[in-house]
Amino acid sequence: QVQLVESGGGLVQPGGSLRLSCAASGLTFNAYAMGWYRQPPGKARELVAAITSNFMTRYAESVRDRATISRDNAKNTVYLQMNNLKPEDTAVYYCNANRILAPSHWGQGTQVTVSS
């Protein structure tokens, strides 16, 4: 059974930083592309950042200069470091694992609130 467990969310002041973690189990982690998505209140889920199995990365324009996605295949974990957080970054952040010809998997989400 595949499990993706996010952690690291919480309340952060504007301008602050946080690092989200997603621990994966039940899958061949290094074969999957991993992504971070977010869903702001009342809005659709959107891609924040993604990293392929061979470590290529891409980012949403809104976070390009403030976010870094990374993965540690030895720990089956993907990270999202976000700096200079803004109130518009407030959302539930979800981890995703996907690969060609296989089901996509989602974590349960972790809340990030940016507020003073």
N, C-alpha and C. Protein backbone atom coordinates (compact mmCIF):
# COMPACT_ATOMS: atom_id res chain seq x y z
N GLN A 1 0.85 -1.19 0.00
CA GLN A 1 0.00 0.00 0.00
C GLN A 1 0.89 1.25 0.00
N VAL A 2 0.63 2.12 -0.96
CA VAL A 2 1.42 3.34 -1.07
C VAL A 2 0.95 4.36 -0.03
N GLN A 3 1.91 4.95 0.64
CA GLN A 3 1.60 6.04 1.57
C GLN A 3 2.55 7.20 1.33
N LEU A 4 1.99 8.39 1.30
CA LEU A 4 2.75 9.63 1.24
C LEU A 4 2.34 10.46 2.44
N VAL A 5 3.30 10.78 3.29
CA VAL A 5 2.99 11.48 4.52
C VAL A 5 3.74 12.81 4.55
N GLU A 6 2.97 13.89 4.47
CA GLU A 6 3.57 15.23 4.49
C GLU A 6 3.74 15.71 5.92
N SER A 7 4.74 16.56 6.12
CA SER A 7 4.95 17.20 7.41
C SER A 7 5.66 18.52 7.18
N GLY A 8 5.66 19.34 8.22
CA GLY A 8 6.40 20.60 8.16
C GLY A 8 5.55 21.84 7.96
N GLY A 9 4.26 21.67 7.80
CA GLY A 9 3.40 22.83 7.65
C GLY A 9 3.18 23.55 8.97
N GLY A 10 2.49 24.67 8.90
CA GLY A 10 2.20 25.42 10.11
C GLY A 10 1.96 26.87 9.82
N LEU A 11 2.03 27.68 10.86
CA LEU A 11 1.83 29.12 10.76
C LEU A 11 3.20 29.80 10.66
N VAL A 12 3.34 30.61 9.63
CA VAL A 12 4.60 31.31 9.37
C VAL A 12 4.30 32.78 9.12
N GLN A 13 5.17 33.63 9.58
CA GLN A 13 5.00 35.06 9.31
C GLN A 13 5.44 35.40 7.89
N PRO A 14 4.86 36.42 7.30
CA PRO A 14 5.34 36.86 5.98
C PRO A 14 6.84 37.11 6.00
N GLY A 15 7.50 36.65 4.94
CA GLY A 15 8.95 36.76 4.88
C GLY A 15 9.68 35.58 5.48
N GLY A 16 8.96 34.72 6.14
CA GLY A 16 9.58 33.57 6.78
C GLY A 16 9.82 32.42 5.81
N SER A 17 10.33 31.34 6.37
CA SER A 17 10.67 30.16 5.58
C SER A 17 10.12 28.91 6.24
N LEU A 18 9.96 27.88 5.44
CA LEU A 18 9.65 26.57 5.98
C LEU A 18 10.11 25.50 5.02
N ARG A 19 10.22 24.30 5.53
CA ARG A 19 10.57 23.15 4.70
C ARG A 19 9.53 22.06 4.91
N LEU A 20 8.89 21.70 3.85
CA LEU A 20 7.95 20.60 3.88
C LEU A 20 8.66 19.30 3.50
N SER A 21 8.24 18.23 4.13
CA SER A 21 8.78 16.91 3.83
C SER A 21 7.64 15.97 3.45
N CYS A 22 7.95 15.05 2.59
CA CYS A 22 6.98 14.01 2.21
C CYS A 22 7.71 12.68 2.22
N ALA A 23 7.34 11.84 3.16
CA ALA A 23 7.95 10.52 3.27
C ALA A 23 7.07 9.51 2.54
N ALA A 24 7.67 8.77 1.64
CA ALA A 24 6.94 7.81 0.82
C ALA A 24 7.27 6.38 1.23
N SER A 25 6.27 5.53 1.12
CA SER A 25 6.47 4.10 1.37
C SER A 25 5.54 3.31 0.47
N GLY A 26 5.90 2.05 0.25
CA GLY A 26 5.06 1.18 -0.56
C GLY A 26 5.22 1.36 -2.06
N LEU A 27 6.25 2.06 -2.49
CA LEU A 27 6.51 2.22 -3.91
C LEU A 27 8.01 2.27 -4.15
N THR A 28 8.40 2.08 -5.41
CA THR A 28 9.81 2.19 -5.78
C THR A 28 10.11 3.66 -5.98
N PHE A 29 10.49 4.30 -4.91
CA PHE A 29 10.55 5.76 -4.85
C PHE A 29 11.39 6.34 -5.99
N ASN A 30 12.55 5.76 -6.25
CA ASN A 30 13.44 6.37 -7.23
C ASN A 30 12.94 6.25 -8.66
N ALA A 31 11.85 5.52 -8.86
CA ALA A 31 11.26 5.41 -10.19
C ALA A 31 10.17 6.43 -10.45
N TYR A 32 9.80 7.16 -9.42
CA TYR A 32 8.68 8.09 -9.51
C TYR A 32 9.14 9.53 -9.62
N ALA A 33 8.41 10.30 -10.42
CA ALA A 33 8.49 11.74 -10.34
C ALA A 33 7.67 12.19 -9.14
N MET A 34 8.17 13.18 -8.43
CA MET A 34 7.50 13.66 -7.23
C MET A 34 7.13 15.13 -7.41
N GLY A 35 6.00 15.48 -6.86
CA GLY A 35 5.57 16.86 -6.98
C GLY A 35 4.94 17.40 -5.72
N TRP A 36 4.98 18.69 -5.59
CA TRP A 36 4.25 19.40 -4.54
C TRP A 36 3.17 20.25 -5.22
N TYR A 37 1.96 20.09 -4.74
CA TYR A 37 0.84 20.88 -5.20
C TYR A 37 0.26 21.62 -4.00
N ARG A 38 -0.53 22.63 -4.30
CA ARG A 38 -1.21 23.33 -3.22
C ARG A 38 -2.61 23.73 -3.65
N GLN A 39 -3.47 23.86 -2.65
CA GLN A 39 -4.84 24.28 -2.90
C GLN A 39 -5.19 25.40 -1.94
N PRO A 40 -5.18 26.63 -2.43
CA PRO A 40 -5.58 27.76 -1.59
C PRO A 40 -7.07 27.69 -1.28
N PRO A 41 -7.52 28.36 -0.25
CA PRO A 41 -8.94 28.33 0.10
C PRO A 41 -9.81 28.80 -1.06
N GLY A 42 -10.77 27.98 -1.44
CA GLY A 42 -11.71 28.35 -2.49
C GLY A 42 -11.17 28.29 -3.89
N LYS A 43 -9.97 27.73 -4.06
CA LYS A 43 -9.36 27.69 -5.39
C LYS A 43 -8.99 26.26 -5.76
N ALA A 44 -8.61 26.09 -7.02
CA ALA A 44 -8.24 24.77 -7.50
C ALA A 44 -6.82 24.40 -7.07
N ARG A 45 -6.57 23.11 -7.06
CA ARG A 45 -5.23 22.63 -6.75
C ARG A 45 -4.29 23.00 -7.90
N GLU A 46 -3.08 23.41 -7.55
CA GLU A 46 -2.11 23.84 -8.56
C GLU A 46 -0.73 23.27 -8.25
N LEU A 47 0.04 23.09 -9.31
CA LEU A 47 1.40 22.60 -9.15
C LEU A 47 2.28 23.69 -8.57
N VAL A 48 3.09 23.34 -7.58
CA VAL A 48 4.08 24.26 -7.03
C VAL A 48 5.46 23.93 -7.59
N ALA A 49 5.84 22.68 -7.50
CA ALA A 49 7.16 22.26 -7.97
C ALA A 49 7.15 20.76 -8.19
N ALA A 50 8.03 20.31 -9.09
CA ALA A 50 8.13 18.89 -9.38
C ALA A 50 9.57 18.52 -9.63
N ILE A 51 9.89 17.26 -9.36
CA ILE A 51 11.24 16.76 -9.59
C ILE A 51 11.10 15.36 -10.18
N THR A 52 11.81 15.12 -11.28
CA THR A 52 11.71 13.83 -11.94
C THR A 52 12.60 12.80 -11.27
N SER A 53 12.52 11.57 -11.76
CA SER A 53 13.33 10.51 -11.20
C SER A 53 14.81 10.75 -11.45
N ASN A 54 15.13 11.54 -12.47
CA ASN A 54 16.54 11.88 -12.71
C ASN A 54 16.86 13.32 -12.32
N PHE A 55 16.07 13.83 -11.37
CA PHE A 55 16.38 15.07 -10.65
C PHE A 55 16.20 16.35 -11.46
N MET A 56 15.47 16.28 -12.54
CA MET A 56 15.12 17.52 -13.24
C MET A 56 13.98 18.18 -12.50
N THR A 57 14.02 19.49 -12.40
CA THR A 57 13.03 20.22 -11.61
C THR A 57 12.28 21.25 -12.46
N ARG A 58 11.09 21.55 -12.01
CA ARG A 58 10.35 22.67 -12.59
C ARG A 58 9.48 23.30 -11.51
N TYR A 59 9.18 24.58 -11.71
CA TYR A 59 8.48 25.34 -10.69
C TYR A 59 7.37 26.18 -11.30
N ALA A 60 6.36 26.43 -10.49
CA ALA A 60 5.36 27.42 -10.87
C ALA A 60 6.01 28.79 -10.88
N GLU A 61 5.58 29.63 -11.79
CA GLU A 61 6.17 30.96 -11.90
C GLU A 61 6.07 31.74 -10.59
N SER A 62 5.00 31.52 -9.86
CA SER A 62 4.75 32.29 -8.63
C SER A 62 5.74 31.97 -7.51
N VAL A 63 6.45 30.85 -7.61
CA VAL A 63 7.38 30.47 -6.55
C VAL A 63 8.80 30.27 -7.07
N ARG A 64 9.03 30.51 -8.34
CA ARG A 64 10.28 30.12 -8.99
C ARG A 64 11.51 30.60 -8.25
N ASP A 65 11.52 31.80 -7.75
CA ASP A 65 12.72 32.34 -7.09
C ASP A 65 12.70 32.13 -5.58
N ARG A 66 11.69 31.46 -5.08
CA ARG A 66 11.54 31.31 -3.63
C ARG A 66 11.47 29.86 -3.17
N ALA A 67 11.41 28.94 -4.08
CA ALA A 67 11.20 27.54 -3.70
C ALA A 67 12.30 26.66 -4.26
N THR A 68 12.60 25.61 -3.52
CA THR A 68 13.54 24.58 -3.99
C THR A 68 12.97 23.23 -3.65
N ILE A 69 12.81 22.41 -4.67
CA ILE A 69 12.38 21.03 -4.45
C ILE A 69 13.60 20.12 -4.54
N SER A 70 13.64 19.12 -3.67
CA SER A 70 14.75 18.18 -3.68
C SER A 70 14.23 16.82 -3.25
N ARG A 71 15.03 15.80 -3.50
CA ARG A 71 14.65 14.47 -3.09
C ARG A 71 15.86 13.73 -2.57
N ASP A 72 15.60 12.85 -1.62
CA ASP A 72 16.63 11.97 -1.07
C ASP A 72 16.13 10.54 -1.27
N ASN A 73 16.64 9.91 -2.29
CA ASN A 73 16.16 8.56 -2.62
C ASN A 73 16.53 7.54 -1.54
N ALA A 74 17.58 7.80 -0.80
CA ALA A 74 17.97 6.88 0.28
C ALA A 74 16.94 6.92 1.42
N LYS A 75 16.27 8.06 1.56
CA LYS A 75 15.27 8.21 2.63
C LYS A 75 13.84 8.17 2.10
N ASN A 76 13.69 7.95 0.79
CA ASN A 76 12.34 7.95 0.19
C ASN A 76 11.56 9.20 0.55
N THR A 77 12.22 10.33 0.46
CA THR A 77 11.62 11.58 0.91
C THR A 77 11.86 12.69 -0.11
N VAL A 78 10.83 13.50 -0.29
CA VAL A 78 10.95 14.69 -1.13
C VAL A 78 10.69 15.90 -0.25
N TYR A 79 11.40 16.97 -0.54
CA TYR A 79 11.33 18.17 0.27
C TYR A 79 10.91 19.37 -0.58
N LEU A 80 10.32 20.33 0.09
CA LEU A 80 10.05 21.63 -0.55
C LEU A 80 10.49 22.71 0.43
N GLN A 81 11.53 23.41 0.06
CA GLN A 81 11.99 24.55 0.85
C GLN A 81 11.38 25.81 0.24
N MET A 82 10.71 26.58 1.07
CA MET A 82 10.12 27.82 0.59
C MET A 82 10.59 28.98 1.45
N ASN A 83 11.04 30.02 0.79
CA ASN A 83 11.55 31.21 1.46
C ASN A 83 10.71 32.43 1.10
N ASN A 84 10.88 33.48 1.88
CA ASN A 84 10.16 34.73 1.63
C ASN A 84 8.67 34.47 1.41
N LEU A 85 8.09 33.76 2.34
CA LEU A 85 6.70 33.37 2.19
C LEU A 85 5.78 34.58 2.20
N LYS A 86 4.71 34.48 1.42
CA LYS A 86 3.74 35.54 1.28
C LYS A 86 2.36 35.04 1.70
N PRO A 87 1.47 35.93 2.08
CA PRO A 87 0.12 35.48 2.45
C PRO A 87 -0.54 34.65 1.35
N GLU A 88 -0.24 34.94 0.10
CA GLU A 88 -0.86 34.18 -0.99
C GLU A 88 -0.30 32.76 -1.11
N ASP A 89 0.71 32.43 -0.34
CA ASP A 89 1.19 31.05 -0.29
C ASP A 89 0.36 30.19 0.66
N THR A 90 -0.55 30.81 1.37
CA THR A 90 -1.42 30.06 2.28
C THR A 90 -2.25 29.05 1.50
N ALA A 91 -2.15 27.80 1.90
CA ALA A 91 -2.83 26.73 1.19
C ALA A 91 -2.60 25.41 1.92
N VAL A 92 -3.33 24.40 1.50
CA VAL A 92 -2.99 23.03 1.88
C VAL A 92 -2.02 22.51 0.82
N TYR A 93 -0.90 22.01 1.27
CA TYR A 93 0.15 21.52 0.37
C TYR A 93 0.10 20.00 0.33
N TYR A 94 0.08 19.47 -0.89
CA TYR A 94 -0.04 18.04 -1.11
C TYR A 94 1.19 17.51 -1.84
N CYS A 95 1.58 16.32 -1.45
CA CYS A 95 2.66 15.59 -2.12
C CYS A 95 2.04 14.65 -3.14
N ASN A 96 2.70 14.50 -4.27
CA ASN A 96 2.21 13.61 -5.33
C ASN A 96 3.35 12.76 -5.87
N ALA A 97 3.04 11.51 -6.14
CA ALA A 97 3.99 10.61 -6.78
C ALA A 97 3.37 10.09 -8.06
N ASN A 98 4.10 10.15 -9.16
CA ASN A 98 3.53 9.67 -10.41
C ASN A 98 4.62 9.09 -11.32
N ARG A 99 4.21 8.16 -12.14
CA ARG A 99 5.08 7.60 -13.16
C ARG A 99 4.21 7.11 -14.29
N ILE A 100 4.82 6.94 -15.43
CA ILE A 100 4.08 6.52 -16.62
C ILE A 100 3.49 5.13 -16.40
N LEU A 101 2.26 4.98 -16.82
CA LEU A 101 1.56 3.69 -16.79
C LEU A 101 1.38 3.15 -15.38
N ALA A 102 1.25 4.05 -14.42
CA ALA A 102 0.99 3.65 -13.04
C ALA A 102 0.07 4.67 -12.41
N PRO A 103 -0.70 4.25 -11.41
CA PRO A 103 -1.59 5.22 -10.75
C PRO A 103 -0.79 6.33 -10.08
N SER A 104 -1.42 7.50 -10.02
CA SER A 104 -0.83 8.62 -9.29
C SER A 104 -1.25 8.52 -7.83
N HIS A 105 -0.36 8.93 -6.94
CA HIS A 105 -0.64 8.83 -5.51
C HIS A 105 -0.54 10.20 -4.85
N TRP A 106 -1.39 10.43 -3.86
CA TRP A 106 -1.44 11.71 -3.15
C TRP A 106 -1.32 11.51 -1.64
N GLY A 107 -0.69 12.48 -1.00
CA GLY A 107 -0.69 12.51 0.44
C GLY A 107 -1.96 13.17 0.96
N GLN A 108 -2.05 13.26 2.27
CA GLN A 108 -3.26 13.79 2.90
C GLN A 108 -3.24 15.31 2.99
N GLY A 109 -2.08 15.91 2.77
CA GLY A 109 -1.95 17.35 2.79
C GLY A 109 -1.49 17.90 4.13
N THR A 110 -0.83 19.04 4.06
CA THR A 110 -0.40 19.75 5.26
C THR A 110 -0.70 21.24 5.07
N GLN A 111 -1.25 21.84 6.10
CA GLN A 111 -1.69 23.24 6.01
C GLN A 111 -0.51 24.18 6.23
N VAL A 112 -0.37 25.14 5.34
CA VAL A 112 0.59 26.22 5.49
C VAL A 112 -0.20 27.53 5.53
N THR A 113 -0.02 28.27 6.60
CA THR A 113 -0.69 29.56 6.75
C THR A 113 0.37 30.64 6.94
N VAL A 114 0.32 31.63 6.08
CA VAL A 114 1.27 32.74 6.15
C VAL A 114 0.51 33.98 6.60
N SER A 115 0.80 34.38 7.81
CA SER A 115 0.04 35.50 8.39
C SER A 115 0.83 36.10 9.52
N SER A 116 0.64 37.40 9.72
CA SER A 116 1.27 38.07 10.85
C SER A 116 0.31 38.11 12.04
